[in-house]
Amino acid sequence: VMRGMLMRSTLHQSLLLAGAAVFAGSAWSFLRWWKQRAKRSAQHAITALFAQVQAMNKGIAMVVSDATSSNFSVRNLSKYLLQRGLCPSNDLFRDAKVLLSLLQDEASEKNSGQTGASRIFAHALKPQVIKAKRLQQLFPEIKESYVQQPLDYGRNSRYGDEWRISCYMVVMENWKPKIMPHEPMLRCLGEVMRECVKSFECWYCSLKGFKQGSKPFSVMNAFVTRYRPLHGEDELKKHIDGANVDGSCILALPTDEPFEGGALHVWDGKPKQELVYKMAPGDCIFMDTKIWHQAKPITAGSRWALVLFLKLAR
């Protein structure tokens, strides 16, 4: 009797082990099938995006395509986005969607121009957001607090590791090497920074038709930049402030060395046009997301500016 019970127990255990092995094998096969299915689905979606880009602009499709000219090349797509002032993610599907969105926006702007649509600007020059006299009183402390903090923007930026003319007050990005906020500059201009944010929020709500006070922003990055007529320090080339930046503020600061050049150029409107601003200390330029702009070279003196990258509270 005991031997029979032992045999039945052994058989039961064997059946359980066999069942577990079958289940594990089935689960592994299902997981592999699911991953292959997801991969095929992603490939089909990317191919469909390429077809849309090709239909909108065959020339650009050729530039961003692979050797077969039938799909995207990660390298060529990233390179093209960089040339357009955007920061590629190296995620092929995401970058392809960014390119398609860019082409659709440009097509929409072109069509608006043909129909004579009025220009609506997504930026504005606001004079004396901060009183010039107050900034002039702060300038000796600004100058004393300023230190250059070299920054590596990464291989996807046109500046790479060559940007070294800013002093950082707020840092939310995971830059390498890590940039720490420079406390003396933050103590000097922290209140000015907060007042600029409040003014930007009011402007943004008016621009978008929101109730005043309903759209708070936080500061992602804040820094003071000093331009000098030296190679690599005299200008900021045409760019957009990053896909994850919801708004930007540029505050003109005083200087003790009057500069020549240094105008701010902004590309905005439908159809797009180039606008040129010569800012006085205390003036602010407010910009919505993805606005092309450029700080032209200075040829003498030194130009100072406080720049804020802002994030909309979701």
C-alpha atoms as a PDB file:
ATOM      1  CA  VAL A   1       0.000   0.000   0.000  1.00  0.00           C
ATOM      2  CA  MET A   2       2.803   2.352   1.000  1.00  0.00           C
ATOM      3  CA  ARG A   3       4.653   1.601  -2.210  1.00  0.00           C
ATOM      4  CA  GLY A   4       1.543   2.368  -4.265  1.00  0.00           C
ATOM      5  CA  MET A   5       1.056   5.682  -2.493  1.00  0.00           C
ATOM      6  CA  LEU A   6       4.696   6.572  -3.073  1.00  0.00           C
ATOM      7  CA  MET A   7       4.397   5.737  -6.764  1.00  0.00           C
ATOM      8  CA  ARG A   8       1.246   7.869  -7.110  1.00  0.00           C
ATOM      9  CA  SER A   9       2.983  10.789  -5.358  1.00  0.00           C
ATOM     10  CA  THR A  10       5.998  10.508  -7.637  1.00  0.00           C
ATOM     11  CA  LEU A  11       3.744  10.378 -10.693  1.00  0.00           C
ATOM     12  CA  HIS A  12       1.841  13.443  -9.469  1.00  0.00           C
ATOM     13  CA  GLN A  13       5.057  15.400  -9.004  1.00  0.00           C
ATOM     14  CA  SER A  14       6.274  14.375 -12.439  1.00  0.00           C
ATOM     15  CA  LEU A  15       3.036  15.543 -14.002  1.00  0.00           C
ATOM     16  CA  LEU A  16       3.288  18.873 -12.183  1.00  0.00           C
ATOM     17  CA  LEU A  17       6.873  19.405 -13.343  1.00  0.00           C
ATOM     18  CA  ALA A  18       5.956  18.478 -16.897  1.00  0.00           C
ATOM     19  CA  GLY A  19       3.011  20.860 -16.815  1.00  0.00           C
ATOM     20  CA  ALA A  20       5.201  23.667 -15.464  1.00  0.00           C
ATOM     21  CA  ALA A  21       7.772  23.036 -18.189  1.00  0.00           C
ATOM     22  CA  VAL A  22       5.078  23.124 -20.877  1.00  0.00           C
ATOM     23  CA  PHE A  23       3.636  26.330 -19.419  1.00  0.00           C
ATOM     24  CA  ALA A  24       7.071  27.999 -19.233  1.00  0.00           C
ATOM     25  CA  GLY A  25       7.829  27.006 -22.815  1.00  0.00           C
ATOM     26  CA  SER A  26       4.478  28.328 -23.999  1.00  0.00           C
ATOM     27  CA  ALA A  27       4.928  31.585 -22.093  1.00  0.00           C
ATOM     28  CA  TRP A  28       8.403  32.088 -23.575  1.00  0.00           C
ATOM     29  CA  SER A  29       7.098  31.375 -27.087  1.00  0.00           C
ATOM     30  CA  PHE A  30       4.210  33.791 -26.571  1.00  0.00           C
ATOM     31  CA  LEU A  31       6.559  36.506 -25.293  1.00  0.00           C
ATOM     32  CA  ARG A  32       8.864  36.062 -28.281  1.00  0.00           C
ATOM     33  CA  TRP A  33       5.885  36.190 -30.643  1.00  0.00           C
ATOM     34  CA  TRP A  34       4.590  39.340 -28.941  1.00  0.00           C
ATOM     35  CA  LYS A  35       7.957  41.103 -29.182  1.00  0.00           C
ATOM     36  CA  GLN A  36       8.255  40.201 -32.863  1.00  0.00           C
ATOM     37  CA  ARG A  37       4.712  41.452 -33.461  1.00  0.00           C
ATOM     38  CA  ALA A  38       5.446  44.746 -31.662  1.00  0.00           C
ATOM     39  CA  LYS A  39       8.657  45.159 -33.678  1.00  0.00           C
ATOM     40  CA  ARG A  40       6.828  44.563 -36.957  1.00  0.00           C
ATOM     41  CA  SER A  41       4.120  47.027 -35.927  1.00  0.00           C
ATOM     42  CA  ALA A  42       6.733  49.697 -35.115  1.00  0.00           C
ATOM     43  CA  GLN A  43       8.470  49.093 -38.440  1.00  0.00           C
ATOM     44  CA  HIS A  44       5.175  49.453 -40.308  1.00  0.00           C
ATOM     45  CA  ALA A  45       4.445  52.723 -38.449  1.00  0.00           C
ATOM     46  CA  ILE A  46       7.895  54.134 -39.323  1.00  0.00           C
ATOM     47  CA  THR A  47       7.470  53.084 -42.960  1.00  0.00           C
ATOM     48  CA  ALA A  48       4.094  54.840 -43.029  1.00  0.00           C
ATOM     49  CA  LEU A  49       5.670  58.019 -41.613  1.00  0.00           C
ATOM     50  CA  PHE A  50       8.366  57.907 -44.272  1.00  0.00           C
ATOM     51  CA  ALA A  51       5.714  57.616 -46.971  1.00  0.00           C
ATOM     52  CA  GLN A  52       3.984  60.722 -45.571  1.00  0.00           C
ATOM     53  CA  VAL A  53       7.259  62.677 -45.510  1.00  0.00           C
ATOM     54  CA  GLN A  54       7.990  61.537 -49.073  1.00  0.00           C
ATOM     55  CA  ALA A  55       4.559  62.686 -50.220  1.00  0.00           C
ATOM     56  CA  MET A  56       5.083  66.137 -48.665  1.00  0.00           C
ATOM     57  CA  ASN A  57       8.684  66.759 -49.727  1.00  0.00           C
ATOM     58  CA  LYS A  58      10.642  64.276 -51.846  1.00  0.00           C
ATOM     59  CA  GLY A  59      13.881  66.246 -51.497  1.00  0.00           C
ATOM     60  CA  ILE A  60      13.853  66.092 -47.688  1.00  0.00           C
ATOM     61  CA  ALA A  61      12.821  62.430 -47.826  1.00  0.00           C
ATOM     62  CA  MET A  62      15.964  61.709 -49.860  1.00  0.00           C
ATOM     63  CA  VAL A  63      18.128  63.596 -47.338  1.00  0.00           C
ATOM     64  CA  VAL A  64      16.848  61.608 -44.339  1.00  0.00           C
ATOM     65  CA  SER A  65      16.557  58.225 -46.077  1.00  0.00           C
ATOM     66  CA  ASP A  66      18.746  55.124 -45.826  1.00  0.00           C
ATOM     67  CA  ALA A  67      20.767  53.529 -48.641  1.00  0.00           C
ATOM     68  CA  THR A  68      17.610  51.983 -50.131  1.00  0.00           C
ATOM     69  CA  SER A  69      15.810  55.364 -50.232  1.00  0.00           C
ATOM     70  CA  SER A  70      12.743  53.560 -48.923  1.00  0.00           C
ATOM     71  CA  ASN A  71      12.947  54.279 -45.199  1.00  0.00           C
ATOM     72  CA  PHE A  72      14.563  56.556 -42.628  1.00  0.00           C
ATOM     73  CA  SER A  73      18.214  56.480 -41.662  1.00  0.00           C
ATOM     74  CA  VAL A  74      18.669  57.192 -37.939  1.00  0.00           C
ATOM     75  CA  ARG A  75      21.912  59.039 -38.622  1.00  0.00           C
ATOM     76  CA  ASN A  76      20.619  61.107 -41.544  1.00  0.00           C
ATOM     77  CA  LEU A  77      17.377  61.992 -39.758  1.00  0.00           C
ATOM     78  CA  SER A  78      19.262  63.100 -36.624  1.00  0.00           C
ATOM     79  CA  LYS A  79      21.661  65.163 -38.736  1.00  0.00           C
ATOM     80  CA  TYR A  80      18.804  66.900 -40.548  1.00  0.00           C
ATOM     81  CA  LEU A  81      16.960  67.750 -37.321  1.00  0.00           C
ATOM     82  CA  LEU A  82      20.178  69.212 -35.937  1.00  0.00           C
ATOM     83  CA  GLN A  83      20.509  71.386 -39.024  1.00  0.00           C
ATOM     84  CA  ARG A  84      16.995  72.663 -38.376  1.00  0.00           C
ATOM     85  CA  GLY A  85      17.920  73.614 -34.807  1.00  0.00           C
ATOM     86  CA  LEU A  86      16.141  70.685 -33.147  1.00  0.00           C
ATOM     87  CA  CYS A  87      17.615  68.155 -30.733  1.00  0.00           C
ATOM     88  CA  PRO A  88      17.095  64.576 -31.980  1.00  0.00           C
ATOM     89  CA  SER A  89      16.204  61.875 -29.466  1.00  0.00           C
ATOM     90  CA  ASN A  90      17.775  59.013 -31.492  1.00  0.00           C
ATOM     91  CA  ASP A  91      14.402  57.272 -31.184  1.00  0.00           C
ATOM     92  CA  LEU A  92      13.584  56.747 -34.867  1.00  0.00           C
ATOM     93  CA  PHE A  93       9.790  56.753 -34.482  1.00  0.00           C
ATOM     94  CA  ARG A  94       9.767  59.871 -32.279  1.00  0.00           C
ATOM     95  CA  ASP A  95      12.185  61.801 -34.508  1.00  0.00           C
ATOM     96  CA  ALA A  96      10.220  60.834 -37.614  1.00  0.00           C
ATOM     97  CA  LYS A  97       7.054  62.249 -36.016  1.00  0.00           C
ATOM     98  CA  VAL A  98       8.925  65.486 -35.184  1.00  0.00           C
ATOM     99  CA  LEU A  99      10.029  65.822 -38.822  1.00  0.00           C
ATOM    100  CA  LEU A 100       6.522  65.180 -40.135  1.00  0.00           C
ATOM    101  CA  SER A 101       5.081  67.731 -37.711  1.00  0.00           C
ATOM    102  CA  LEU A 102       7.679  70.281 -38.848  1.00  0.00           C
ATOM    103  CA  LEU A 103       6.794  69.757 -42.521  1.00  0.00           C
ATOM    104  CA  GLN A 104       3.073  69.968 -41.776  1.00  0.00           C
ATOM    105  CA  ASP A 105       3.563  73.259 -39.891  1.00  0.00           C
ATOM    106  CA  GLU A 106       5.564  74.719 -42.762  1.00  0.00           C
ATOM    107  CA  ALA A 107       2.940  73.607 -45.286  1.00  0.00           C
ATOM    108  CA  SER A 108       0.221  75.171 -43.140  1.00  0.00           C
ATOM    109  CA  GLU A 109       2.165  78.443 -42.917  1.00  0.00           C
ATOM    110  CA  LYS A 110       2.682  78.472 -46.672  1.00  0.00           C
ATOM    111  CA  ASN A 111      -1.024  77.917 -47.314  1.00  0.00           C
ATOM    112  CA  SER A 112      -1.925  80.627 -44.816  1.00  0.00           C
ATOM    113  CA  GLY A 113       0.336  83.029 -46.673  1.00  0.00           C
ATOM    114  CA  GLN A 114      -1.363  82.209 -49.956  1.00  0.00           C
ATOM    115  CA  THR A 115      -4.780  82.935 -48.506  1.00  0.00           C
ATOM    116  CA  GLY A 116      -3.647  86.242 -47.031  1.00  0.00           C
ATOM    117  CA  ALA A 117      -4.116  85.199 -43.409  1.00  0.00           C
ATOM    118  CA  SER A 118      -3.159  87.828 -40.868  1.00  0.00           C
ATOM    119  CA  ARG A 119       0.091  87.459 -38.986  1.00  0.00           C
ATOM    120  CA  ILE A 120      -0.137  86.310 -35.383  1.00  0.00           C
ATOM    121  CA  PHE A 121       3.142  86.403 -33.511  1.00  0.00           C
ATOM    122  CA  ALA A 122       4.021  83.899 -30.789  1.00  0.00           C
ATOM    123  CA  HIS A 123       6.589  86.227 -29.258  1.00  0.00           C
ATOM    124  CA  ALA A 124       6.651  89.784 -27.980  1.00  0.00           C
ATOM    125  CA  LEU A 125       9.051  92.520 -26.910  1.00  0.00           C
ATOM    126  CA  LYS A 126       7.992  93.874 -23.524  1.00  0.00           C
ATOM    127  CA  PRO A 127       9.775  97.116 -22.574  1.00  0.00           C
ATOM    128  CA  GLN A 128      10.947  97.723 -19.011  1.00  0.00           C
ATOM    129  CA  VAL A 129       9.654  94.510 -17.443  1.00  0.00           C
ATOM    130  CA  ILE A 130      12.386  95.212 -14.905  1.00  0.00           C
ATOM    131  CA  LYS A 131      13.306  98.860 -14.317  1.00  0.00           C
ATOM    132  CA  ALA A 132      16.625  99.780 -15.937  1.00  0.00           C
ATOM    133  CA  LYS A 133      17.679 101.795 -12.876  1.00  0.00           C
ATOM    134  CA  ARG A 134      17.252  98.772 -10.624  1.00  0.00           C
ATOM    135  CA  LEU A 135      19.323  96.585 -12.953  1.00  0.00           C
ATOM    136  CA  GLN A 136      21.996  99.264 -13.172  1.00  0.00           C
ATOM    137  CA  GLN A 137      22.272  99.200  -9.386  1.00  0.00           C
ATOM    138  CA  LEU A 138      22.579  95.412  -9.459  1.00  0.00           C
ATOM    139  CA  PHE A 139      25.128  95.313 -12.282  1.00  0.00           C
ATOM    140  CA  PRO A 140      28.304  95.549 -10.170  1.00  0.00           C
ATOM    141  CA  GLU A 141      27.114  92.508  -8.201  1.00  0.00           C
ATOM    142  CA  ILE A 142      26.133  90.708 -11.428  1.00  0.00           C
ATOM    143  CA  LYS A 143      29.589  91.289 -12.841  1.00  0.00           C
ATOM    144  CA  GLU A 144      31.306  90.207  -9.621  1.00  0.00           C
ATOM    145  CA  SER A 145      29.145  87.058  -9.373  1.00  0.00           C
ATOM    146  CA  TYR A 146      29.666  86.018 -12.993  1.00  0.00           C
ATOM    147  CA  VAL A 147      31.837  82.976 -13.640  1.00  0.00           C
ATOM    148  CA  GLN A 148      32.018  81.017 -16.865  1.00  0.00           C
ATOM    149  CA  GLN A 149      30.712  77.486 -16.427  1.00  0.00           C
ATOM    150  CA  PRO A 150      31.705  75.362 -19.448  1.00  0.00           C
ATOM    151  CA  LEU A 151      28.863  73.140 -20.568  1.00  0.00           C
ATOM    152  CA  ASP A 152      28.765  70.039 -22.749  1.00  0.00           C
ATOM    153  CA  TYR A 153      25.482  70.153 -24.677  1.00  0.00           C
ATOM    154  CA  GLY A 154      26.255  66.721 -26.153  1.00  0.00           C
ATOM    155  CA  ARG A 155      27.027  65.440 -29.605  1.00  0.00           C
ATOM    156  CA  ASN A 156      23.548  66.330 -30.896  1.00  0.00           C
ATOM    157  CA  SER A 157      24.155  70.049 -30.404  1.00  0.00           C
ATOM    158  CA  ARG A 158      26.006  72.310 -32.832  1.00  0.00           C
ATOM    159  CA  TYR A 159      27.909  73.680 -29.826  1.00  0.00           C
ATOM    160  CA  GLY A 160      28.902  70.308 -28.329  1.00  0.00           C
ATOM    161  CA  ASP A 161      31.282  70.992 -25.447  1.00  0.00           C
ATOM    162  CA  GLU A 162      32.275  74.462 -26.697  1.00  0.00           C
ATOM    163  CA  TRP A 163      29.649  76.583 -24.901  1.00  0.00           C
ATOM    164  CA  ARG A 164      31.401  78.360 -22.030  1.00  0.00           C
ATOM    165  CA  ILE A 165      30.021  81.902 -21.714  1.00  0.00           C
ATOM    166  CA  SER A 166      27.108  81.418 -19.310  1.00  0.00           C
ATOM    167  CA  CYS A 167      26.766  81.419 -15.518  1.00  0.00           C
ATOM    168  CA  TYR A 168      23.937  79.165 -14.276  1.00  0.00           C
ATOM    169  CA  MET A 169      21.336  80.056 -11.650  1.00  0.00           C
ATOM    170  CA  VAL A 170      18.891  77.160 -12.106  1.00  0.00           C
ATOM    171  CA  VAL A 171      19.775  73.803 -13.638  1.00  0.00           C
ATOM    172  CA  MET A 172      17.148  71.115 -14.216  1.00  0.00           C
ATOM    173  CA  GLU A 173      18.767  69.254 -17.104  1.00  0.00           C
ATOM    174  CA  ASN A 174      21.030  66.220 -16.617  1.00  0.00           C
ATOM    175  CA  TRP A 175      24.018  67.765 -18.309  1.00  0.00           C
ATOM    176  CA  LYS A 176      27.419  66.128 -18.192  1.00  0.00           C
ATOM    177  CA  PRO A 177      29.569  67.242 -16.553  1.00  0.00           C
ATOM    178  CA  LYS A 178      26.959  68.253 -14.004  1.00  0.00           C
ATOM    179  CA  ILE A 179      26.553  72.026 -13.776  1.00  0.00           C
ATOM    180  CA  MET A 180      25.711  73.299 -10.299  1.00  0.00           C
ATOM    181  CA  PRO A 181      23.783  76.552  -9.758  1.00  0.00           C
ATOM    182  CA  HIS A 182      26.127  79.424  -8.941  1.00  0.00           C
ATOM    183  CA  GLU A 183      24.713  80.665  -5.638  1.00  0.00           C
ATOM    184  CA  PRO A 184      26.105  84.245  -5.764  1.00  0.00           C
ATOM    185  CA  MET A 185      24.346  84.888  -9.100  1.00  0.00           C
ATOM    186  CA  LEU A 186      21.130  83.275  -7.842  1.00  0.00           C
ATOM    187  CA  ARG A 187      21.147  85.509  -4.747  1.00  0.00           C
ATOM    188  CA  CYS A 188      21.752  88.541  -6.940  1.00  0.00           C
ATOM    189  CA  LEU A 189      19.103  87.907  -9.626  1.00  0.00           C
ATOM    190  CA  GLY A 190      16.713  85.394  -8.047  1.00  0.00           C
ATOM    191  CA  GLU A 191      13.977  87.942  -7.396  1.00  0.00           C
ATOM    192  CA  VAL A 192      14.407  89.455 -10.885  1.00  0.00           C
ATOM    193  CA  MET A 193      14.053  85.954 -12.341  1.00  0.00           C
ATOM    194  CA  ARG A 194      10.793  85.348 -10.443  1.00  0.00           C
ATOM    195  CA  GLU A 195       9.350  88.688 -11.594  1.00  0.00           C
ATOM    196  CA  CYS A 196      10.186  87.812 -15.200  1.00  0.00           C
ATOM    197  CA  VAL A 197       8.346  84.503 -14.830  1.00  0.00           C
ATOM    198  CA  LYS A 198       5.236  86.265 -13.477  1.00  0.00           C
ATOM    199  CA  SER A 199       5.275  88.716 -16.385  1.00  0.00           C
ATOM    200  CA  PHE A 200       5.715  85.841 -18.838  1.00  0.00           C
ATOM    201  CA  GLU A 201       2.706  84.018 -17.327  1.00  0.00           C
ATOM    202  CA  CYS A 202       0.500  87.078 -17.818  1.00  0.00           C
ATOM    203  CA  TRP A 203       1.662  87.470 -21.422  1.00  0.00           C
ATOM    204  CA  TYR A 204       1.182  83.744 -22.132  1.00  0.00           C
ATOM    205  CA  CYS A 205      -2.404  83.722 -20.810  1.00  0.00           C
ATOM    206  CA  SER A 206      -3.233  86.775 -22.942  1.00  0.00           C
ATOM    207  CA  LEU A 207      -1.639  85.176 -26.016  1.00  0.00           C
ATOM    208  CA  LYS A 208      -3.528  81.890 -25.610  1.00  0.00           C
ATOM    209  CA  GLY A 209      -6.802  83.309 -24.287  1.00  0.00           C
ATOM    210  CA  PHE A 210      -6.523  81.645 -20.877  1.00  0.00           C
ATOM    211  CA  LYS A 211      -7.751  83.071 -17.602  1.00  0.00           C
ATOM    212  CA  GLN A 212      -5.031  85.123 -15.931  1.00  0.00           C
ATOM    213  CA  GLY A 213      -3.189  83.113 -13.292  1.00  0.00           C
ATOM    214  CA  SER A 214      -4.373  79.760 -14.654  1.00  0.00           C
ATOM    215  CA  LYS A 215      -1.088  78.777 -16.351  1.00  0.00           C
ATOM    216  CA  PRO A 216       1.848  78.722 -13.921  1.00  0.00           C
ATOM    217  CA  PHE A 217       5.371  78.112 -15.218  1.00  0.00           C
ATOM    218  CA  SER A 218       8.463  76.765 -13.499  1.00  0.00           C
ATOM    219  CA  VAL A 219      12.070  77.565 -14.416  1.00  0.00           C
ATOM    220  CA  MET A 220      13.895  74.669 -16.072  1.00  0.00           C
ATOM    221  CA  ASN A 221      17.144  76.528 -16.640  1.00  0.00           C
ATOM    222  CA  ALA A 222      18.246  80.075 -15.912  1.00  0.00           C
ATOM    223  CA  PHE A 223      21.590  81.602 -16.784  1.00  0.00           C
ATOM    224  CA  VAL A 224      23.403  84.877 -17.356  1.00  0.00           C
ATOM    225  CA  THR A 225      25.317  85.052 -20.631  1.00  0.00           C
ATOM    226  CA  ARG A 226      28.073  87.531 -21.440  1.00  0.00           C
ATOM    227  CA  TYR A 227      28.919  88.099 -25.114  1.00  0.00           C
ATOM    228  CA  ARG A 228      32.324  89.513 -26.087  1.00  0.00           C
ATOM    229  CA  PRO A 229      33.888  90.114 -29.536  1.00  0.00           C
ATOM    230  CA  LEU A 230      35.927  86.912 -29.322  1.00  0.00           C
ATOM    231  CA  HIS A 231      35.661  83.726 -31.334  1.00  0.00           C
ATOM    232  CA  GLY A 232      33.031  81.483 -29.747  1.00  0.00           C
ATOM    233  CA  GLU A 233      31.802  84.249 -27.420  1.00  0.00           C
ATOM    234  CA  ASP A 234      30.329  86.843 -29.784  1.00  0.00           C
ATOM    235  CA  GLU A 235      27.011  85.315 -30.893  1.00  0.00           C
ATOM    236  CA  LEU A 236      24.371  82.626 -30.556  1.00  0.00           C
ATOM    237  CA  LYS A 237      23.478  81.066 -33.885  1.00  0.00           C
ATOM    238  CA  LYS A 238      19.952  80.530 -35.159  1.00  0.00           C
ATOM    239  CA  HIS A 239      18.210  77.917 -33.038  1.00  0.00           C
ATOM    240  CA  ILE A 240      15.131  76.776 -31.112  1.00  0.00           C
ATOM    241  CA  ASP A 241      15.362  76.463 -27.333  1.00  0.00           C
ATOM    242  CA  GLY A 242      14.604  72.716 -27.256  1.00  0.00           C
ATOM    243  CA  ALA A 243      11.577  70.506 -27.826  1.00  0.00           C
ATOM    244  CA  ASN A 244      10.874  70.224 -24.078  1.00  0.00           C
ATOM    245  CA  VAL A 245      10.944  74.004 -23.437  1.00  0.00           C
ATOM    246  CA  ASP A 246       7.421  75.486 -23.243  1.00  0.00           C
ATOM    247  CA  GLY A 247       8.488  79.114 -23.259  1.00  0.00           C
ATOM    248  CA  SER A 248      11.543  81.377 -23.081  1.00  0.00           C
ATOM    249  CA  CYS A 249      12.392  84.760 -21.664  1.00  0.00           C
ATOM    250  CA  ILE A 250      15.392  86.934 -22.551  1.00  0.00           C
ATOM    251  CA  LEU A 251      16.026  89.944 -20.295  1.00  0.00           C
ATOM    252  CA  ALA A 252      18.522  92.561 -21.504  1.00  0.00           C
ATOM    253  CA  LEU A 253      20.979  93.479 -18.758  1.00  0.00           C
ATOM    254  CA  PRO A 254      23.152  96.624 -18.450  1.00  0.00           C
ATOM    255  CA  THR A 255      26.798  96.760 -19.440  1.00  0.00           C
ATOM    256  CA  ASP A 256      29.791  98.906 -18.532  1.00  0.00           C
ATOM    257  CA  GLU A 257      31.269  98.381 -22.020  1.00  0.00           C
ATOM    258  CA  PRO A 258      28.833  99.673 -24.670  1.00  0.00           C
ATOM    259  CA  PHE A 259      28.580  97.100 -27.455  1.00  0.00           C
ATOM    260  CA  GLU A 260      28.096  97.242 -31.191  1.00  0.00           C
ATOM    261  CA  GLY A 261      25.972  94.680 -33.021  1.00  0.00           C
ATOM    262  CA  GLY A 262      24.242  92.019 -30.955  1.00  0.00           C
ATOM    263  CA  ALA A 263      20.699  92.519 -32.280  1.00  0.00           C
ATOM    264  CA  LEU A 264      18.195  89.761 -31.573  1.00  0.00           C
ATOM    265  CA  HIS A 265      16.581  88.268 -34.676  1.00  0.00           C
ATOM    266  CA  VAL A 266      13.305  86.331 -34.372  1.00  0.00           C
ATOM    267  CA  TRP A 267      11.517  84.338 -37.086  1.00  0.00           C
ATOM    268  CA  ASP A 268       7.783  84.234 -36.454  1.00  0.00           C
ATOM    269  CA  GLY A 269       4.341  84.722 -37.975  1.00  0.00           C
ATOM    270  CA  LYS A 270       2.294  83.139 -40.744  1.00  0.00           C
ATOM    271  CA  PRO A 271       3.786  83.553 -43.270  1.00  0.00           C
ATOM    272  CA  LYS A 272       7.052  83.572 -41.328  1.00  0.00           C
ATOM    273  CA  GLN A 273       9.057  86.773 -41.312  1.00  0.00           C
ATOM    274  CA  GLU A 274      12.318  87.909 -39.751  1.00  0.00           C
ATOM    275  CA  LEU A 275      12.054  90.584 -37.062  1.00  0.00           C
ATOM    276  CA  VAL A 276      15.006  92.470 -35.544  1.00  0.00           C
ATOM    277  CA  TYR A 277      15.134  93.841 -31.991  1.00  0.00           C
ATOM    278  CA  LYS A 278      17.670  96.106 -30.307  1.00  0.00           C
ATOM    279  CA  MET A 279      16.864  95.765 -26.633  1.00  0.00           C
ATOM    280  CA  ALA A 280      17.502  98.258 -23.830  1.00  0.00           C
ATOM    281  CA  PRO A 281      18.328  97.134 -20.274  1.00  0.00           C
ATOM    282  CA  GLY A 282      15.113  95.938 -18.610  1.00  0.00           C
ATOM    283  CA  ASP A 283      13.412  94.939 -21.885  1.00  0.00           C
ATOM    284  CA  CYS A 284      12.235  91.332 -22.235  1.00  0.00           C
ATOM    285  CA  ILE A 285      11.564  89.129 -25.223  1.00  0.00           C
ATOM    286  CA  PHE A 286       8.924  86.509 -24.427  1.00  0.00           C
ATOM    287  CA  MET A 287       8.711  83.514 -26.766  1.00  0.00           C
ATOM    288  CA  ASP A 288       6.303  80.629 -27.037  1.00  0.00           C
ATOM    289  CA  THR A 289       7.702  77.155 -27.686  1.00  0.00           C
ATOM    290  CA  LYS A 290       9.747  76.404 -30.822  1.00  0.00           C
ATOM    291  CA  ILE A 291      10.407  79.988 -31.964  1.00  0.00           C
ATOM    292  CA  TRP A 292      13.503  80.411 -34.120  1.00  0.00           C
ATOM    293  CA  HIS A 293      15.828  83.175 -32.927  1.00  0.00           C
ATOM    294  CA  GLN A 294      19.437  84.294 -33.086  1.00  0.00           C
ATOM    295  CA  ALA A 295      21.745  86.669 -31.198  1.00  0.00           C
ATOM    296  CA  LYS A 296      23.835  88.378 -33.877  1.00  0.00           C
ATOM    297  CA  PRO A 297      27.593  88.862 -33.322  1.00  0.00           C
ATOM    298  CA  ILE A 298      28.882  91.840 -31.381  1.00  0.00           C
ATOM    299  CA  THR A 299      31.962  93.601 -32.730  1.00  0.00           C
ATOM    300  CA  ALA A 300      32.888  95.687 -29.676  1.00  0.00           C
ATOM    301  CA  GLY A 301      32.127  95.949 -25.963  1.00  0.00           C
ATOM    302  CA  SER A 302      30.201  93.331 -23.977  1.00  0.00           C
ATOM    303  CA  ARG A 303      26.537  92.357 -23.981  1.00  0.00           C
ATOM    304  CA  TRP A 304      24.805  90.760 -20.981  1.00  0.00           C
ATOM    305  CA  ALA A 305      21.496  88.873 -20.869  1.00  0.00           C
ATOM    306  CA  LEU A 306      19.474  86.773 -18.429  1.00  0.00           C
ATOM    307  CA  VAL A 307      17.852  83.792 -20.173  1.00  0.00           C
ATOM    308  CA  LEU A 308      15.082  81.597 -18.770  1.00  0.00           C
ATOM    309  CA  PHE A 309      13.824  78.282 -20.148  1.00  0.00           C
ATOM    310  CA  LEU A 310      10.329  77.691 -18.798  1.00  0.00           C
ATOM    311  CA  LYS A 311       8.128  74.626 -18.284  1.00  0.00           C
ATOM    312  CA  LEU A 312       4.344  74.806 -18.134  1.00  0.00           C
ATOM    313  CA  ALA A 313       2.874  73.125 -15.046  1.00  0.00           C
ATOM    314  CA  ARG A 314       0.675  70.307 -16.377  1.00  0.00           C
END
